[in-house]
Amino acid sequence: MTTAQHEITLLASNELAQSSISELRQLRVDCAADTLQISGKVRSFYHKQLAQEAVRRVVAGASVDNQVHVCP
């Protein structure tokens, strides 16, 4: 992982860690090439979307691969 990828991963992780929604604080963030992947479980599609949008704000041109599973 390059320094830039590491920084993007940290920024995205911090963004989720600051969420008022506890499920989002438990998600995992990984970076490979120009793709940032978020994974884990949430209880609603809305929370899945919130996680994606929170991460998208900080990725600076990287693609977001949302692998979060909705488990009601």
PDB file of N, CA and C in Angstrom:
ATOM      1  N   MET A   1       0.850  -1.177   0.000  1.00  0.00           N
ATOM      2  CA  MET A   1       0.000   0.000   0.000  1.00  0.00           C
ATOM      3  C   MET A   1       0.896   1.240   0.000  1.00  0.00           C
ATOM      4  N   THR A   2       0.604   2.161  -0.904  1.00  0.00           N
ATOM      5  CA  THR A   2       1.383   3.394  -0.979  1.00  0.00           C
ATOM      6  C   THR A   2       0.981   4.336   0.150  1.00  0.00           C
ATOM      7  N   THR A   3       1.771   5.362   0.338  1.00  0.00           N
ATOM      8  CA  THR A   3       1.470   6.357   1.369  1.00  0.00           C
ATOM      9  C   THR A   3       0.135   7.037   1.088  1.00  0.00           C
ATOM     10  N   ALA A   4      -0.119   7.368  -0.174  1.00  0.00           N
ATOM     11  CA  ALA A   4      -1.391   8.014  -0.534  1.00  0.00           C
ATOM     12  C   ALA A   4      -2.571   7.093  -0.245  1.00  0.00           C
ATOM     13  N   GLN A   5      -2.443   5.816  -0.581  1.00  0.00           N
ATOM     14  CA  GLN A   5      -3.518   4.862  -0.309  1.00  0.00           C
ATOM     15  C   GLN A   5      -3.746   4.721   1.188  1.00  0.00           C
ATOM     16  N   HIS A   6      -2.671   4.698   1.944  1.00  0.00           N
ATOM     17  CA  HIS A   6      -2.781   4.594   3.393  1.00  0.00           C
ATOM     18  C   HIS A   6      -3.504   5.811   3.965  1.00  0.00           C
ATOM     19  N   GLU A   7      -3.158   6.988   3.471  1.00  0.00           N
ATOM     20  CA  GLU A   7      -3.799   8.222   3.945  1.00  0.00           C
ATOM     21  C   GLU A   7      -5.291   8.230   3.616  1.00  0.00           C
ATOM     22  N   ILE A   8      -5.648   7.819   2.418  1.00  0.00           N
ATOM     23  CA  ILE A   8      -7.064   7.766   2.026  1.00  0.00           C
ATOM     24  C   ILE A   8      -7.812   6.772   2.905  1.00  0.00           C
ATOM     25  N   THR A   9      -7.199   5.631   3.168  1.00  0.00           N
ATOM     26  CA  THR A   9      -7.826   4.626   4.027  1.00  0.00           C
ATOM     27  C   THR A   9      -8.051   5.185   5.426  1.00  0.00           C
ATOM     28  N   LEU A  10      -7.061   5.882   5.962  1.00  0.00           N
ATOM     29  CA  LEU A  10      -7.203   6.481   7.290  1.00  0.00           C
ATOM     30  C   LEU A  10      -8.287   7.549   7.317  1.00  0.00           C
ATOM     31  N   LEU A  11      -8.319   8.392   6.291  1.00  0.00           N
ATOM     32  CA  LEU A  11      -9.352   9.433   6.225  1.00  0.00           C
ATOM     33  C   LEU A  11     -10.751   8.826   6.178  1.00  0.00           C
ATOM     34  N   ALA A  12     -10.918   7.790   5.357  1.00  0.00           N
ATOM     35  CA  ALA A  12     -12.218   7.140   5.239  1.00  0.00           C
ATOM     36  C   ALA A  12     -12.599   6.449   6.544  1.00  0.00           C
ATOM     37  N   SER A  13     -11.657   5.770   7.165  1.00  0.00           N
ATOM     38  CA  SER A  13     -11.916   5.108   8.448  1.00  0.00           C
ATOM     39  C   SER A  13     -12.304   6.114   9.515  1.00  0.00           C
ATOM     40  N   ASN A  14     -11.600   7.242   9.549  1.00  0.00           N
ATOM     41  CA  ASN A  14     -11.918   8.289  10.519  1.00  0.00           C
ATOM     42  C   ASN A  14     -13.295   8.883  10.285  1.00  0.00           C
ATOM     43  N   GLU A  15     -13.650   9.039   9.025  1.00  0.00           N
ATOM     44  CA  GLU A  15     -14.976   9.577   8.698  1.00  0.00           C
ATOM     45  C   GLU A  15     -16.068   8.657   9.249  1.00  0.00           C
ATOM     46  N   LEU A  16     -15.909   7.361   9.051  1.00  0.00           N
ATOM     47  CA  LEU A  16     -16.888   6.406   9.572  1.00  0.00           C
ATOM     48  C   LEU A  16     -16.842   6.350  11.099  1.00  0.00           C
ATOM     49  N   ALA A  17     -15.656   6.448  11.679  1.00  0.00           N
ATOM     50  CA  ALA A  17     -15.498   6.380  13.136  1.00  0.00           C
ATOM     51  C   ALA A  17     -16.191   7.538  13.844  1.00  0.00           C
ATOM     52  N   GLN A  18     -16.374   8.645  13.147  1.00  0.00           N
ATOM     53  CA  GLN A  18     -17.016   9.813  13.734  1.00  0.00           C
ATOM     54  C   GLN A  18     -18.525   9.831  13.533  1.00  0.00           C
ATOM     55  N   SER A  19     -19.057   8.823  12.889  1.00  0.00           N
ATOM     56  CA  SER A  19     -20.490   8.771  12.619  1.00  0.00           C
ATOM     57  C   SER A  19     -21.285   8.623  13.910  1.00  0.00           C
ATOM     58  N   SER A  20     -22.461   9.220  13.922  1.00  0.00           N
ATOM     59  CA  SER A  20     -23.361   9.058  15.069  1.00  0.00           C
ATOM     60  C   SER A  20     -24.065   7.702  15.031  1.00  0.00           C
ATOM     61  N   ILE A  21     -23.921   6.977  13.930  1.00  0.00           N
ATOM     62  CA  ILE A  21     -24.544   5.659  13.772  1.00  0.00           C
ATOM     63  C   ILE A  21     -23.504   4.595  14.129  1.00  0.00           C
ATOM     64  N   SER A  22     -23.770   3.863  15.191  1.00  0.00           N
ATOM     65  CA  SER A  22     -22.782   2.912  15.699  1.00  0.00           C
ATOM     66  C   SER A  22     -22.394   1.850  14.670  1.00  0.00           C
ATOM     67  N   GLU A  23     -23.325   1.413  13.849  1.00  0.00           N
ATOM     68  CA  GLU A  23     -23.018   0.396  12.835  1.00  0.00           C
ATOM     69  C   GLU A  23     -21.943   0.872  11.860  1.00  0.00           C
ATOM     70  N   LEU A  24     -21.978   2.129  11.508  1.00  0.00           N
ATOM     71  CA  LEU A  24     -20.993   2.673  10.574  1.00  0.00           C
ATOM     72  C   LEU A  24     -19.600   2.704  11.198  1.00  0.00           C
ATOM     73  N   ARG A  25     -19.532   2.873  12.504  1.00  0.00           N
ATOM     74  CA  ARG A  25     -18.237   2.897  13.185  1.00  0.00           C
ATOM     75  C   ARG A  25     -17.586   1.518  13.206  1.00  0.00           C
ATOM     76  N   GLN A  26     -18.346   0.458  12.925  1.00  0.00           N
ATOM     77  CA  GLN A  26     -17.823  -0.904  12.950  1.00  0.00           C
ATOM     78  C   GLN A  26     -17.374  -1.401  11.575  1.00  0.00           C
ATOM     79  N   LEU A  27     -17.582  -0.616  10.528  1.00  0.00           N
ATOM     80  CA  LEU A  27     -17.247  -1.061   9.174  1.00  0.00           C
ATOM     81  C   LEU A  27     -15.738  -1.043   8.945  1.00  0.00           C
ATOM     82  N   ARG A  28     -15.306  -1.891   8.030  1.00  0.00           N
ATOM     83  CA  ARG A  28     -13.885  -2.011   7.683  1.00  0.00           C
ATOM     84  C   ARG A  28     -13.617  -1.267   6.372  1.00  0.00           C
ATOM     85  N   VAL A  29     -12.467  -0.626   6.302  1.00  0.00           N
ATOM     86  CA  VAL A  29     -12.055   0.102   5.099  1.00  0.00           C
ATOM     87  C   VAL A  29     -10.704  -0.431   4.649  1.00  0.00           C
ATOM     88  N   ASP A  30     -10.605  -0.815   3.373  1.00  0.00           N
ATOM     89  CA  ASP A  30      -9.357  -1.290   2.773  1.00  0.00           C
ATOM     90  C   ASP A  30      -9.149  -0.557   1.460  1.00  0.00           C
ATOM     91  N   CYS A  31      -7.899  -0.462   1.046  1.00  0.00           N
ATOM     92  CA  CYS A  31      -7.580   0.202  -0.220  1.00  0.00           C
ATOM     93  C   CYS A  31      -6.652  -0.674  -1.042  1.00  0.00           C
ATOM     94  N   ALA A  32      -6.994  -0.824  -2.321  1.00  0.00           N
ATOM     95  CA  ALA A  32      -6.153  -1.550  -3.264  1.00  0.00           C
ATOM     96  C   ALA A  32      -6.203  -0.806  -4.589  1.00  0.00           C
ATOM     97  N   ALA A  33      -5.036  -0.499  -5.128  1.00  0.00           N
ATOM     98  CA  ALA A  33      -4.934   0.290  -6.361  1.00  0.00           C
ATOM     99  C   ALA A  33      -5.684   1.599  -6.154  1.00  0.00           C
ATOM    100  N   ASP A  34      -6.627   1.923  -7.032  1.00  0.00           N
ATOM    101  CA  ASP A  34      -7.399   3.160  -6.893  1.00  0.00           C
ATOM    102  C   ASP A  34      -8.806   2.886  -6.400  1.00  0.00           C
ATOM    103  N   THR A  35      -8.992   1.786  -5.681  1.00  0.00           N
ATOM    104  CA  THR A  35     -10.320   1.427  -5.193  1.00  0.00           C
ATOM    105  C   THR A  35     -10.316   1.318  -3.682  1.00  0.00           C
ATOM    106  N   LEU A  36     -11.259   1.999  -3.061  1.00  0.00           N
ATOM    107  CA  LEU A  36     -11.441   1.915  -1.626  1.00  0.00           C
ATOM    108  C   LEU A  36     -12.623   0.991  -1.379  1.00  0.00           C
ATOM    109  N   GLN A  37     -12.427  -0.024  -0.556  1.00  0.00           N
ATOM    110  CA  GLN A  37     -13.495  -0.984  -0.290  1.00  0.00           C
ATOM    111  C   GLN A  37     -13.965  -0.834   1.146  1.00  0.00           C
ATOM    112  N   ILE A  38     -15.292  -0.751   1.300  1.00  0.00           N
ATOM    113  CA  ILE A  38     -15.867  -0.764   2.639  1.00  0.00           C
ATOM    114  C   ILE A  38     -16.638  -2.069   2.790  1.00  0.00           C
ATOM    115  N   SER A  39     -16.524  -2.676   3.963  1.00  0.00           N
ATOM    116  CA  SER A  39     -17.190  -3.952   4.192  1.00  0.00           C
ATOM    117  C   SER A  39     -17.659  -4.041   5.636  1.00  0.00           C
ATOM    118  N   GLY A  40     -18.572  -4.963   5.856  1.00  0.00           N
ATOM    119  CA  GLY A  40     -19.151  -5.170   7.174  1.00  0.00           C
ATOM    120  C   GLY A  40     -20.641  -5.389   7.044  1.00  0.00           C
ATOM    121  N   LYS A  41     -21.360  -5.197   8.154  1.00  0.00           N
ATOM    122  CA  LYS A  41     -22.806  -5.420   8.164  1.00  0.00           C
ATOM    123  C   LYS A  41     -23.519  -4.235   8.789  1.00  0.00           C
ATOM    124  N   VAL A  42     -24.651  -3.901   8.208  1.00  0.00           N
ATOM    125  CA  VAL A  42     -25.547  -2.882   8.759  1.00  0.00           C
ATOM    126  C   VAL A  42     -26.970  -3.426   8.694  1.00  0.00           C
ATOM    127  N   ARG A  43     -27.900  -2.766   9.393  1.00  0.00           N
ATOM    128  CA  ARG A  43     -29.273  -3.268   9.437  1.00  0.00           C
ATOM    129  C   ARG A  43     -30.213  -2.656   8.415  1.00  0.00           C
ATOM    130  N   SER A  44     -29.734  -1.684   7.631  1.00  0.00           N
ATOM    131  CA  SER A  44     -30.638  -1.093   6.635  1.00  0.00           C
ATOM    132  C   SER A  44     -29.847  -0.638   5.403  1.00  0.00           C
ATOM    133  N   PHE A  45     -30.560  -0.608   4.274  1.00  0.00           N
ATOM    134  CA  PHE A  45     -29.953  -0.131   3.038  1.00  0.00           C
ATOM    135  C   PHE A  45     -29.578   1.343   3.179  1.00  0.00           C
ATOM    136  N   TYR A  46     -30.362   2.088   3.940  1.00  0.00           N
ATOM    137  CA  TYR A  46     -30.085   3.499   4.181  1.00  0.00           C
ATOM    138  C   TYR A  46     -28.711   3.675   4.841  1.00  0.00           C
ATOM    139  N   HIS A  47     -28.399   2.852   5.835  1.00  0.00           N
ATOM    140  CA  HIS A  47     -27.101   2.934   6.496  1.00  0.00           C
ATOM    141  C   HIS A  47     -25.968   2.549   5.542  1.00  0.00           C
ATOM    142  N   LYS A  48     -26.240   1.598   4.663  1.00  0.00           N
ATOM    143  CA  LYS A  48     -25.251   1.221   3.647  1.00  0.00           C
ATOM    144  C   LYS A  48     -24.943   2.430   2.759  1.00  0.00           C
ATOM    145  N   GLN A  49     -25.988   3.143   2.351  1.00  0.00           N
ATOM    146  CA  GLN A  49     -25.803   4.334   1.520  1.00  0.00           C
ATOM    147  C   GLN A  49     -25.071   5.437   2.279  1.00  0.00           C
ATOM    148  N   LEU A  50     -25.423   5.623   3.558  1.00  0.00           N
ATOM    149  CA  LEU A  50     -24.750   6.650   4.359  1.00  0.00           C
ATOM    150  C   LEU A  50     -23.256   6.375   4.464  1.00  0.00           C
ATOM    151  N   ALA A  51     -22.897   5.109   4.647  1.00  0.00           N
ATOM    152  CA  ALA A  51     -21.483   4.737   4.729  1.00  0.00           C
ATOM    153  C   ALA A  51     -20.771   5.070   3.429  1.00  0.00           C
ATOM    154  N   GLN A  52     -21.389   4.729   2.325  1.00  0.00           N
ATOM    155  CA  GLN A  52     -20.778   4.990   1.021  1.00  0.00           C
ATOM    156  C   GLN A  52     -20.577   6.482   0.800  1.00  0.00           C
ATOM    157  N   GLU A  53     -21.569   7.274   1.115  1.00  0.00           N
ATOM    158  CA  GLU A  53     -21.458   8.716   0.894  1.00  0.00           C
ATOM    159  C   GLU A  53     -20.457   9.357   1.838  1.00  0.00           C
ATOM    160  N   ALA A  54     -20.365   8.866   3.063  1.00  0.00           N
ATOM    161  CA  ALA A  54     -19.381   9.396   4.014  1.00  0.00           C
ATOM    162  C   ALA A  54     -17.966   9.153   3.491  1.00  0.00           C
ATOM    163  N   VAL A  55     -17.730   7.963   2.968  1.00  0.00           N
ATOM    164  CA  VAL A  55     -16.411   7.610   2.439  1.00  0.00           C
ATOM    165  C   VAL A  55     -16.135   8.351   1.140  1.00  0.00           C
ATOM    166  N   ARG A  56     -17.127   8.484   0.301  1.00  0.00           N
ATOM    167  CA  ARG A  56     -16.952   9.138  -1.000  1.00  0.00           C
ATOM    168  C   ARG A  56     -16.446  10.575  -0.844  1.00  0.00           C
ATOM    169  N   ARG A  57     -16.814  11.243   0.239  1.00  0.00           N
ATOM    170  CA  ARG A  57     -16.384  12.631   0.459  1.00  0.00           C
ATOM    171  C   ARG A  57     -14.875  12.760   0.616  1.00  0.00           C
ATOM    172  N   VAL A  58     -14.199  11.693   1.035  1.00  0.00           N
ATOM    173  CA  VAL A  58     -12.773  11.811   1.337  1.00  0.00           C
ATOM    174  C   VAL A  58     -11.853  11.017   0.413  1.00  0.00           C
ATOM    175  N   VAL A  59     -12.381  10.327  -0.590  1.00  0.00           N
ATOM    176  CA  VAL A  59     -11.544   9.427  -1.387  1.00  0.00           C
ATOM    177  C   VAL A  59     -10.729  10.099  -2.480  1.00  0.00           C
ATOM    178  N   ALA A  60     -10.981  11.321  -2.795  1.00  0.00           N
ATOM    179  CA  ALA A  60     -10.162  12.083  -3.752  1.00  0.00           C
ATOM    180  C   ALA A  60      -9.921  11.358  -5.070  1.00  0.00           C
ATOM    181  N   GLY A  61     -10.988  10.969  -5.739  1.00  0.00           N
ATOM    182  CA  GLY A  61     -10.865  10.372  -7.059  1.00  0.00           C
ATOM    183  C   GLY A  61     -10.811   8.865  -7.102  1.00  0.00           C
ATOM    184  N   ALA A  62     -10.666   8.217  -5.979  1.00  0.00           N
ATOM    185  CA  ALA A  62     -10.646   6.751  -5.959  1.00  0.00           C
ATOM    186  C   ALA A  62     -12.075   6.224  -6.100  1.00  0.00           C
ATOM    187  N   SER A  63     -12.192   5.037  -6.631  1.00  0.00           N
ATOM    188  CA  SER A  63     -13.500   4.383  -6.725  1.00  0.00           C
ATOM    189  C   SER A  63     -13.849   3.807  -5.360  1.00  0.00           C
ATOM    190  N   VAL A  64     -15.159   3.716  -5.094  1.00  0.00           N
ATOM    191  CA  VAL A  64     -15.627   3.115  -3.847  1.00  0.00           C
ATOM    192  C   VAL A  64     -16.337   1.819  -4.187  1.00  0.00           C
ATOM    193  N   ASP A  65     -15.864   0.723  -3.592  1.00  0.00           N
ATOM    194  CA  ASP A  65     -16.479  -0.588  -3.753  1.00  0.00           C
ATOM    195  C   ASP A  65     -17.213  -0.888  -2.449  1.00  0.00           C
ATOM    196  N   ASN A  66     -18.541  -0.751  -2.490  1.00  0.00           N
ATOM    197  CA  ASN A  66     -19.348  -0.926  -1.288  1.00  0.00           C
ATOM    198  C   ASN A  66     -19.746  -2.393  -1.140  1.00  0.00           C
ATOM    199  N   GLN A  67     -19.035  -3.102  -0.273  1.00  0.00           N
ATOM    200  CA  GLN A  67     -19.300  -4.515  -0.008  1.00  0.00           C
ATOM    201  C   GLN A  67     -20.038  -4.716   1.317  1.00  0.00           C
ATOM    202  N   VAL A  68     -20.682  -3.648   1.800  1.00  0.00           N
ATOM    203  CA  VAL A  68     -21.431  -3.732   3.051  1.00  0.00           C
ATOM    204  C   VAL A  68     -22.688  -4.559   2.817  1.00  0.00           C
ATOM    205  N   HIS A  69     -22.938  -5.479   3.737  1.00  0.00           N
ATOM    206  CA  HIS A  69     -24.121  -6.346   3.648  1.00  0.00           C
ATOM    207  C   HIS A  69     -25.217  -5.828   4.562  1.00  0.00           C
ATOM    208  N   VAL A  70     -26.440  -5.854   4.056  1.00  0.00           N
ATOM    209  CA  VAL A  70     -27.596  -5.463   4.853  1.00  0.00           C
ATOM    210  C   VAL A  70     -28.194  -6.715   5.473  1.00  0.00           C
ATOM    211  N   CYS A  71     -28.192  -6.746   6.791  1.00  0.00           N
ATOM    212  CA  CYS A  71     -28.721  -7.890   7.532  1.00  0.00           C
ATOM    213  C   CYS A  71     -29.739  -7.382   8.540  1.00  0.00           C
ATOM    214  N   PRO A  72     -31.007  -7.322   8.159  1.00  0.00           N
ATOM    215  CA  PRO A  72     -32.026  -6.755   9.061  1.00  0.00           C
ATOM    216  C   PRO A  72     -32.218  -7.576  10.320  1.00  0.00           C
TER     217      PRO A  72
END
